[in-house]
Amino acid sequence: VVPIGMYFSEKVAPLTAIGFTIAVGPFLFIPVGLLI
């Protein structure tokens, strides 16, 4: 919810959303992947 919502929020710059995804994405992938 949070990482996807950042891309649709007008208060978050696109570069900030991309940087957050790059930094946090690999850590989120593990629990999300296991749940899927």
PDB file of all heavy atoms in Angstrom:
ATOM      1  N   VAL A   1       0.828  -1.212   0.000  1.00  0.00           N
ATOM      2  CA  VAL A   1       0.000   0.000   0.000  1.00  0.00           C
ATOM      3  C   VAL A   1       0.857   1.255   0.000  1.00  0.00           C
ATOM      4  O   VAL A   1       0.653   2.167  -0.806  1.00  0.00           O
ATOM      5  CB  VAL A   1      -0.957  -0.002   1.214  1.00  0.00           C
ATOM      6  CG1 VAL A   1      -1.583   1.372   1.382  1.00  0.00           C
ATOM      7  CG2 VAL A   1      -2.031  -1.040   1.031  1.00  0.00           C
ATOM      8  N   VAL A   2       1.824   1.310   0.916  1.00  0.00           N
ATOM      9  CA  VAL A   2       2.631   2.525   1.043  1.00  0.00           C
ATOM     10  C   VAL A   2       3.488   2.785  -0.200  1.00  0.00           C
ATOM     11  O   VAL A   2       3.428   3.883  -0.774  1.00  0.00           O
ATOM     12  CB  VAL A   2       3.509   2.455   2.309  1.00  0.00           C
ATOM     13  CG1 VAL A   2       4.486   3.635   2.353  1.00  0.00           C
ATOM     14  CG2 VAL A   2       2.641   2.431   3.549  1.00  0.00           C
ATOM     15  N   PRO A   3       4.297   1.814  -0.684  1.00  0.00           N
ATOM     16  CA  PRO A   3       5.127   2.120  -1.859  1.00  0.00           C
ATOM     17  C   PRO A   3       4.306   2.428  -3.105  1.00  0.00           C
ATOM     18  O   PRO A   3       4.686   3.306  -3.890  1.00  0.00           O
ATOM     19  CB  PRO A   3       5.969   0.848  -2.047  1.00  0.00           C
ATOM     20  CG  PRO A   3       5.264  -0.216  -1.290  1.00  0.00           C
ATOM     21  CD  PRO A   3       4.583   0.464  -0.162  1.00  0.00           C
ATOM     22  N   ILE A   4       3.184   1.730  -3.301  1.00  0.00           N
ATOM     23  CA  ILE A   4       2.356   2.027  -4.481  1.00  0.00           C
ATOM     24  C   ILE A   4       1.674   3.381  -4.326  1.00  0.00           C
ATOM     25  O   ILE A   4       1.574   4.168  -5.284  1.00  0.00           O
ATOM     26  CB  ILE A   4       1.309   0.911  -4.691  1.00  0.00           C
ATOM     27  CG1 ILE A   4       2.014  -0.398  -5.068  1.00  0.00           C
ATOM     28  CG2 ILE A   4       0.310   1.306  -5.770  1.00  0.00           C
ATOM     29  CD1 ILE A   4       1.066  -1.570  -5.240  1.00  0.00           C
ATOM     30  N   GLY A   5       1.213   3.692  -3.107  1.00  0.00           N
ATOM     31  CA  GLY A   5       0.544   4.973  -2.880  1.00  0.00           C
ATOM     32  C   GLY A   5       1.442   6.167  -3.112  1.00  0.00           C
ATOM     33  O   GLY A   5       0.958   7.253  -3.472  1.00  0.00           O
ATOM     34  N   MET A   6       2.746   6.000  -2.902  1.00  0.00           N
ATOM     35  CA  MET A   6       3.668   7.118  -3.105  1.00  0.00           C
ATOM     36  C   MET A   6       3.666   7.597  -4.546  1.00  0.00           C
ATOM     37  O   MET A   6       3.863   8.786  -4.820  1.00  0.00           O
ATOM     38  CB  MET A   6       5.082   6.703  -2.692  1.00  0.00           C
ATOM     39  CG  MET A   6       5.244   6.408  -1.208  1.00  0.00           C
ATOM     40  SD  MET A   6       6.923   5.896  -0.770  1.00  0.00           S
ATOM     41  CE  MET A   6       7.811   7.427  -1.070  1.00  0.00           C
ATOM     42  N   TYR A   7       3.435   6.681  -5.499  1.00  0.00           N
ATOM     43  CA  TYR A   7       3.451   7.062  -6.908  1.00  0.00           C
ATOM     44  C   TYR A   7       2.194   7.846  -7.296  1.00  0.00           C
ATOM     45  O   TYR A   7       2.192   8.552  -8.309  1.00  0.00           O
ATOM     46  CB  TYR A   7       3.576   5.818  -7.788  1.00  0.00           C
ATOM     47  CG  TYR A   7       4.949   5.203  -7.764  1.00  0.00           C
ATOM     48  CD1 TYR A   7       5.281   4.215  -6.834  1.00  0.00           C
ATOM     49  CD2 TYR A   7       5.929   5.616  -8.654  1.00  0.00           C
ATOM     50  CE1 TYR A   7       6.537   3.653  -6.808  1.00  0.00           C
ATOM     51  CE2 TYR A   7       7.194   5.057  -8.636  1.00  0.00           C
ATOM     52  CZ  TYR A   7       7.501   4.079  -7.708  1.00  0.00           C
ATOM     53  OH  TYR A   7       8.762   3.523  -7.681  1.00  0.00           O
ATOM     54  N   PHE A   8       1.126   7.723  -6.513  1.00  0.00           N
ATOM     55  CA  PHE A   8      -0.118   8.419  -6.824  1.00  0.00           C
ATOM     56  C   PHE A   8      -0.335   9.650  -5.948  1.00  0.00           C
ATOM     57  O   PHE A   8      -1.299  10.376  -6.142  1.00  0.00           O
ATOM     58  CB  PHE A   8      -1.312   7.458  -6.649  1.00  0.00           C
ATOM     59  CG  PHE A   8      -1.300   6.307  -7.605  1.00  0.00           C
ATOM     60  CD1 PHE A   8      -0.738   5.095  -7.252  1.00  0.00           C
ATOM     61  CD2 PHE A   8      -1.830   6.444  -8.882  1.00  0.00           C
ATOM     62  CE1 PHE A   8      -0.719   4.030  -8.131  1.00  0.00           C
ATOM     63  CE2 PHE A   8      -1.815   5.382  -9.775  1.00  0.00           C
ATOM     64  CZ  PHE A   8      -1.257   4.167  -9.400  1.00  0.00           C
ATOM     65  N   SER A   9       0.548   9.862  -4.989  1.00  0.00           N
ATOM     66  CA  SER A   9       0.413  11.016  -4.099  1.00  0.00           C
ATOM     67  C   SER A   9       1.051  12.248  -4.718  1.00  0.00           C
ATOM     68  O   SER A   9       2.174  12.209  -5.215  1.00  0.00           O
ATOM     69  CB  SER A   9       1.066  10.705  -2.745  1.00  0.00           C
ATOM     70  OG  SER A   9       1.049  11.848  -1.916  1.00  0.00           O
ATOM     71  N   GLU A  10       0.338  13.363  -4.673  1.00  0.00           N
ATOM     72  CA  GLU A  10       0.864  14.614  -5.220  1.00  0.00           C
ATOM     73  C   GLU A  10       1.917  15.222  -4.309  1.00  0.00           C
ATOM     74  O   GLU A  10       2.667  16.110  -4.718  1.00  0.00           O
ATOM     75  CB  GLU A  10      -0.276  15.607  -5.436  1.00  0.00           C
ATOM     76  CG  GLU A  10      -1.314  15.138  -6.457  1.00  0.00           C
ATOM     77  CD  GLU A  10      -2.440  16.141  -6.630  1.00  0.00           C
ATOM     78  OE1 GLU A  10      -2.444  17.139  -5.858  1.00  0.00           O
ATOM     79  OE2 GLU A  10      -3.291  15.942  -7.516  1.00  0.00           O
ATOM     80  N   LYS A  11       1.979  14.768  -3.058  1.00  0.00           N
ATOM     81  CA  LYS A  11       2.924  15.327  -2.102  1.00  0.00           C
ATOM     82  C   LYS A  11       4.295  14.662  -2.163  1.00  0.00           C
ATOM     83  O   LYS A  11       5.231  15.122  -1.511  1.00  0.00           O
ATOM     84  CB  LYS A  11       2.365  15.188  -0.683  1.00  0.00           C
ATOM     85  CG  LYS A  11       1.054  15.941  -0.470  1.00  0.00           C
ATOM     86  CD  LYS A  11       0.571  15.780   0.962  1.00  0.00           C
ATOM     87  CE  LYS A  11      -0.734  16.523   1.188  1.00  0.00           C
ATOM     88  NZ  LYS A  11      -1.221  16.385   2.585  1.00  0.00           N
ATOM     89  N   VAL A  12       4.389  13.583  -2.908  1.00  0.00           N
ATOM     90  CA  VAL A  12       5.656  12.850  -3.015  1.00  0.00           C
ATOM     91  C   VAL A  12       6.229  13.020  -4.413  1.00  0.00           C
ATOM     92  O   VAL A  12       5.541  12.730  -5.411  1.00  0.00           O
ATOM     93  CB  VAL A  12       5.460  11.352  -2.703  1.00  0.00           C
ATOM     94  CG1 VAL A  12       6.789  10.611  -2.816  1.00  0.00           C
ATOM     95  CG2 VAL A  12       4.867  11.170  -1.315  1.00  0.00           C
ATOM     96  N   ALA A  13       7.455  13.512  -4.489  1.00  0.00           N
ATOM     97  CA  ALA A  13       8.105  13.695  -5.783  1.00  0.00           C
ATOM     98  C   ALA A  13       8.399  12.335  -6.418  1.00  0.00           C
ATOM     99  O   ALA A  13       8.675  11.358  -5.710  1.00  0.00           O
ATOM    100  CB  ALA A  13       9.401  14.486  -5.614  1.00  0.00           C
ATOM    101  N   PRO A  14       8.348  12.257  -7.761  1.00  0.00           N
ATOM    102  CA  PRO A  14       8.625  10.968  -8.433  1.00  0.00           C
ATOM    103  C   PRO A  14       9.990  10.393  -8.079  1.00  0.00           C
ATOM    104  O   PRO A  14      10.122   9.184  -7.876  1.00  0.00           O
ATOM    105  CB  PRO A  14       8.544  11.332  -9.920  1.00  0.00           C
ATOM    106  CG  PRO A  14       7.642  12.530  -9.967  1.00  0.00           C
ATOM    107  CD  PRO A  14       7.935  13.298  -8.715  1.00  0.00           C
ATOM    108  N   LEU A  15      11.028  11.256  -7.985  1.00  0.00           N
ATOM    109  CA  LEU A  15      12.354  10.751  -7.653  1.00  0.00           C
ATOM    110  C   LEU A  15      12.386  10.168  -6.241  1.00  0.00           C
ATOM    111  O   LEU A  15      13.089   9.191  -5.976  1.00  0.00           O
ATOM    112  CB  LEU A  15      13.394  11.867  -7.784  1.00  0.00           C
ATOM    113  CG  LEU A  15      13.755  12.306  -9.211  1.00  0.00           C
ATOM    114  CD1 LEU A  15      14.784  13.422  -9.193  1.00  0.00           C
ATOM    115  CD2 LEU A  15      14.287  11.113 -10.011  1.00  0.00           C
ATOM    116  N   THR A  16      11.600  10.772  -5.320  1.00  0.00           N
ATOM    117  CA  THR A  16      11.540  10.240  -3.957  1.00  0.00           C
ATOM    118  C   THR A  16      10.909   8.854  -3.950  1.00  0.00           C
ATOM    119  O   THR A  16      11.371   7.940  -3.259  1.00  0.00           O
ATOM    120  CB  THR A  16      10.737  11.188  -3.055  1.00  0.00           C
ATOM    121  OG1 THR A  16      11.349  12.487  -3.062  1.00  0.00           O
ATOM    122  CG2 THR A  16      10.692  10.663  -1.623  1.00  0.00           C
ATOM    123  N   ALA A  17       9.815   8.705  -4.741  1.00  0.00           N
ATOM    124  CA  ALA A  17       9.153   7.403  -4.811  1.00  0.00           C
ATOM    125  C   ALA A  17      10.075   6.352  -5.411  1.00  0.00           C
ATOM    126  O   ALA A  17      10.141   5.212  -4.928  1.00  0.00           O
ATOM    127  CB  ALA A  17       7.871   7.527  -5.630  1.00  0.00           C
ATOM    128  N   ILE A  18      10.804   6.740  -6.461  1.00  0.00           N
ATOM    129  CA  ILE A  18      11.719   5.797  -7.097  1.00  0.00           C
ATOM    130  C   ILE A  18      12.845   5.421  -6.140  1.00  0.00           C
ATOM    131  O   ILE A  18      13.216   4.246  -5.996  1.00  0.00           O
ATOM    132  CB  ILE A  18      12.284   6.387  -8.404  1.00  0.00           C
ATOM    133  CG1 ILE A  18      11.161   6.571  -9.433  1.00  0.00           C
ATOM    134  CG2 ILE A  18      13.390   5.491  -8.961  1.00  0.00           C
ATOM    135  CD1 ILE A  18      11.601   7.291 -10.682  1.00  0.00           C
ATOM    136  N   GLY A  19      13.416   6.416  -5.448  1.00  0.00           N
ATOM    137  CA  GLY A  19      14.470   6.139  -4.491  1.00  0.00           C
ATOM    138  C   GLY A  19      14.007   5.245  -3.358  1.00  0.00           C
ATOM    139  O   GLY A  19      14.735   4.345  -2.927  1.00  0.00           O
ATOM    140  N   PHE A  20      12.774   5.463  -2.882  1.00  0.00           N
ATOM    141  CA  PHE A  20      12.224   4.619  -1.825  1.00  0.00           C
ATOM    142  C   PHE A  20      12.064   3.178  -2.311  1.00  0.00           C
ATOM    143  O   PHE A  20      12.370   2.223  -1.587  1.00  0.00           O
ATOM    144  CB  PHE A  20      10.876   5.176  -1.363  1.00  0.00           C
ATOM    145  CG  PHE A  20      10.224   4.365  -0.276  1.00  0.00           C
ATOM    146  CD1 PHE A  20      10.570   4.538   1.049  1.00  0.00           C
ATOM    147  CD2 PHE A  20       9.249   3.417  -0.594  1.00  0.00           C
ATOM    148  CE1 PHE A  20       9.980   3.782   2.052  1.00  0.00           C
ATOM    149  CE2 PHE A  20       8.647   2.651   0.403  1.00  0.00           C
ATOM    150  CZ  PHE A  20       9.017   2.840   1.726  1.00  0.00           C
ATOM    151  N   THR A  21      11.594   3.037  -3.544  1.00  0.00           N
ATOM    152  CA  THR A  21      11.409   1.700  -4.111  1.00  0.00           C
ATOM    153  C   THR A  21      12.735   0.970  -4.235  1.00  0.00           C
ATOM    154  O   THR A  21      12.845  -0.224  -3.920  1.00  0.00           O
ATOM    155  CB  THR A  21      10.736   1.796  -5.486  1.00  0.00           C
ATOM    156  OG1 THR A  21       9.486   2.476  -5.358  1.00  0.00           O
ATOM    157  CG2 THR A  21      10.508   0.414  -6.077  1.00  0.00           C
ATOM    158  N   ILE A  22      13.776   1.694  -4.699  1.00  0.00           N
ATOM    159  CA  ILE A  22      15.087   1.070  -4.860  1.00  0.00           C
ATOM    160  C   ILE A  22      15.664   0.651  -3.509  1.00  0.00           C
ATOM    161  O   ILE A  22      16.239  -0.432  -3.356  1.00  0.00           O
ATOM    162  CB  ILE A  22      16.053   2.029  -5.583  1.00  0.00           C
ATOM    163  CG1 ILE A  22      15.552   2.299  -7.016  1.00  0.00           C
ATOM    164  CG2 ILE A  22      17.464   1.461  -5.606  1.00  0.00           C
ATOM    165  CD1 ILE A  22      16.340   3.356  -7.735  1.00  0.00           C
ATOM    166  N   ALA A  23      15.481   1.514  -2.492  1.00  0.00           N
ATOM    167  CA  ALA A  23      16.079   1.239  -1.183  1.00  0.00           C
ATOM    168  C   ALA A  23      15.324   0.176  -0.406  1.00  0.00           C
ATOM    169  O   ALA A  23      15.920  -0.674   0.258  1.00  0.00           O
ATOM    170  CB  ALA A  23      16.144   2.533  -0.369  1.00  0.00           C
ATOM    171  N   VAL A  24      13.982   0.202  -0.477  1.00  0.00           N
ATOM    172  CA  VAL A  24      13.165  -0.672   0.360  1.00  0.00           C
ATOM    173  C   VAL A  24      12.628  -1.872  -0.412  1.00  0.00           C
ATOM    174  O   VAL A  24      12.299  -2.902   0.176  1.00  0.00           O
ATOM    175  CB  VAL A  24      12.005   0.129   0.996  1.00  0.00           C
ATOM    176  CG1 VAL A  24      11.160  -0.737   1.922  1.00  0.00           C
ATOM    177  CG2 VAL A  24      12.549   1.329   1.752  1.00  0.00           C
ATOM    178  N   GLY A  25      12.556  -1.752  -1.753  1.00  0.00           N
ATOM    179  CA  GLY A  25      11.959  -2.804  -2.564  1.00  0.00           C
ATOM    180  C   GLY A  25      12.477  -4.197  -2.315  1.00  0.00           C
ATOM    181  O   GLY A  25      11.701  -5.134  -2.095  1.00  0.00           O
ATOM    182  N   PRO A  26      13.824  -4.398  -2.305  1.00  0.00           N
ATOM    183  CA  PRO A  26      14.341  -5.752  -2.067  1.00  0.00           C
ATOM    184  C   PRO A  26      13.909  -6.343  -0.729  1.00  0.00           C
ATOM    185  O   PRO A  26      13.724  -7.551  -0.615  1.00  0.00           O
ATOM    186  CB  PRO A  26      15.862  -5.552  -2.132  1.00  0.00           C
ATOM    187  CG  PRO A  26      16.044  -4.354  -2.995  1.00  0.00           C
ATOM    188  CD  PRO A  26      14.883  -3.454  -2.680  1.00  0.00           C
ATOM    189  N   PHE A  27      13.748  -5.483   0.295  1.00  0.00           N
ATOM    190  CA  PHE A  27      13.340  -5.994   1.606  1.00  0.00           C
ATOM    191  C   PHE A  27      11.849  -6.340   1.617  1.00  0.00           C
ATOM    192  O   PHE A  27      11.431  -7.288   2.290  1.00  0.00           O
ATOM    193  CB  PHE A  27      13.649  -4.963   2.689  1.00  0.00           C
ATOM    194  CG  PHE A  27      15.108  -4.621   2.783  1.00  0.00           C
ATOM    195  CD1 PHE A  27      15.605  -3.475   2.176  1.00  0.00           C
ATOM    196  CD2 PHE A  27      15.987  -5.446   3.453  1.00  0.00           C
ATOM    197  CE1 PHE A  27      16.949  -3.159   2.254  1.00  0.00           C
ATOM    198  CE2 PHE A  27      17.344  -5.143   3.529  1.00  0.00           C
ATOM    199  CZ  PHE A  27      17.818  -3.994   2.924  1.00  0.00           C
ATOM    200  N   LEU A  28      11.033  -5.554   0.876  1.00  0.00           N
ATOM    201  CA  LEU A  28       9.610  -5.858   0.806  1.00  0.00           C
ATOM    202  C   LEU A  28       9.336  -7.084  -0.049  1.00  0.00           C
ATOM    203  O   LEU A  28       8.342  -7.784   0.157  1.00  0.00           O
ATOM    204  CB  LEU A  28       8.835  -4.656   0.235  1.00  0.00           C
ATOM    205  CG  LEU A  28       8.657  -3.446   1.142  1.00  0.00           C
ATOM    206  CD1 LEU A  28       7.937  -2.338   0.388  1.00  0.00           C
ATOM    207  CD2 LEU A  28       7.885  -3.822   2.398  1.00  0.00           C
ATOM    208  N   PHE A  29      10.217  -7.339  -0.996  1.00  0.00           N
ATOM    209  CA  PHE A  29       9.971  -8.450  -1.918  1.00  0.00           C
ATOM    210  C   PHE A  29       9.923  -9.783  -1.200  1.00  0.00           C
ATOM    211  O   PHE A  29       9.148 -10.666  -1.564  1.00  0.00           O
ATOM    212  CB  PHE A  29      11.067  -8.480  -2.989  1.00  0.00           C
ATOM    213  CG  PHE A  29      10.988  -9.679  -3.883  1.00  0.00           C
ATOM    214  CD1 PHE A  29      10.121  -9.695  -4.961  1.00  0.00           C
ATOM    215  CD2 PHE A  29      11.762 -10.805  -3.638  1.00  0.00           C
ATOM    216  CE1 PHE A  29      10.038 -10.806  -5.781  1.00  0.00           C
ATOM    217  CE2 PHE A  29      11.682 -11.914  -4.452  1.00  0.00           C
ATOM    218  CZ  PHE A  29      10.823 -11.911  -5.527  1.00  0.00           C
ATOM    219  N   ILE A  30      10.757  -9.941  -0.181  1.00  0.00           N
ATOM    220  CA  ILE A  30      10.828 -11.235   0.496  1.00  0.00           C
ATOM    221  C   ILE A  30       9.502 -11.604   1.148  1.00  0.00           C
ATOM    222  O   ILE A  30       8.948 -12.675   0.865  1.00  0.00           O
ATOM    223  CB  ILE A  30      11.983 -11.242   1.514  1.00  0.00           C
ATOM    224  CG1 ILE A  30      13.319 -11.073   0.782  1.00  0.00           C
ATOM    225  CG2 ILE A  30      11.976 -12.532   2.326  1.00  0.00           C
ATOM    226  CD1 ILE A  30      14.517 -10.982   1.702  1.00  0.00           C
ATOM    227  N   PRO A  31       8.919 -10.750   2.037  1.00  0.00           N
ATOM    228  CA  PRO A  31       7.624 -11.147   2.623  1.00  0.00           C
ATOM    229  C   PRO A  31       6.506 -11.192   1.603  1.00  0.00           C
ATOM    230  O   PRO A  31       5.644 -12.083   1.658  1.00  0.00           O
ATOM    231  CB  PRO A  31       7.371 -10.069   3.694  1.00  0.00           C
ATOM    232  CG  PRO A  31       8.192  -8.905   3.275  1.00  0.00           C
ATOM    233  CD  PRO A  31       9.400  -9.475   2.610  1.00  0.00           C
ATOM    234  N   VAL A  32       6.482 -10.238   0.649  1.00  0.00           N
ATOM    235  CA  VAL A  32       5.429 -10.238  -0.362  1.00  0.00           C
ATOM    236  C   VAL A  32       5.541 -11.490  -1.229  1.00  0.00           C
ATOM    237  O   VAL A  32       4.538 -12.144  -1.541  1.00  0.00           O
ATOM    238  CB  VAL A  32       5.509  -8.961  -1.228  1.00  0.00           C
ATOM    239  CG1 VAL A  32       4.566  -9.060  -2.422  1.00  0.00           C
ATOM    240  CG2 VAL A  32       5.171  -7.735  -0.390  1.00  0.00           C
ATOM    241  N   GLY A  33       6.760 -11.839  -1.635  1.00  0.00           N
ATOM    242  CA  GLY A  33       6.949 -13.028  -2.455  1.00  0.00           C
ATOM    243  C   GLY A  33       6.536 -14.292  -1.739  1.00  0.00           C
ATOM    244  O   GLY A  33       5.894 -15.171  -2.327  1.00  0.00           O
ATOM    245  N   LEU A  34       6.884 -14.394  -0.458  1.00  0.00           N
ATOM    246  CA  LEU A  34       6.497 -15.580   0.313  1.00  0.00           C
ATOM    247  C   LEU A  34       4.980 -15.677   0.458  1.00  0.00           C
ATOM    248  O   LEU A  34       4.408 -16.780   0.394  1.00  0.00           O
ATOM    249  CB  LEU A  34       7.161 -15.543   1.691  1.00  0.00           C
ATOM    250  CG  LEU A  34       8.686 -15.723   1.699  1.00  0.00           C
ATOM    251  CD1 LEU A  34       9.237 -15.538   3.109  1.00  0.00           C
ATOM    252  CD2 LEU A  34       9.069 -17.091   1.153  1.00  0.00           C
ATOM    253  N   LEU A  35       4.319 -14.538   0.654  1.00  0.00           N
ATOM    254  CA  LEU A  35       2.863 -14.550   0.782  1.00  0.00           C
ATOM    255  C   LEU A  35       2.189 -14.940  -0.532  1.00  0.00           C
ATOM    256  O   LEU A  35       1.220 -15.707  -0.546  1.00  0.00           O
ATOM    257  CB  LEU A  35       2.377 -13.174   1.242  1.00  0.00           C
ATOM    258  CG  LEU A  35       2.678 -12.820   2.707  1.00  0.00           C
ATOM    259  CD1 LEU A  35       2.395 -11.340   2.967  1.00  0.00           C
ATOM    260  CD2 LEU A  35       1.861 -13.698   3.646  1.00  0.00           C
ATOM    261  N   ILE A  36       2.700 -14.416  -1.650  1.00  0.00           N
ATOM    262  CA  ILE A  36       2.144 -14.775  -2.953  1.00  0.00           C
ATOM    263  C   ILE A  36       2.352 -16.251  -3.217  1.00  0.00           C
ATOM    264  O   ILE A  36       1.448 -16.957  -3.705  1.00  0.00           O
ATOM    265  CB  ILE A  36       2.785 -13.920  -4.069  1.00  0.00           C
ATOM    266  CG1 ILE A  36       2.381 -12.442  -3.906  1.00  0.00           C
ATOM    267  CG2 ILE A  36       2.357 -14.432  -5.443  1.00  0.00           C
ATOM    268  CD1 ILE A  36       3.053 -11.526  -4.894  1.00  0.00           C
TER     269      ILE A  36
END
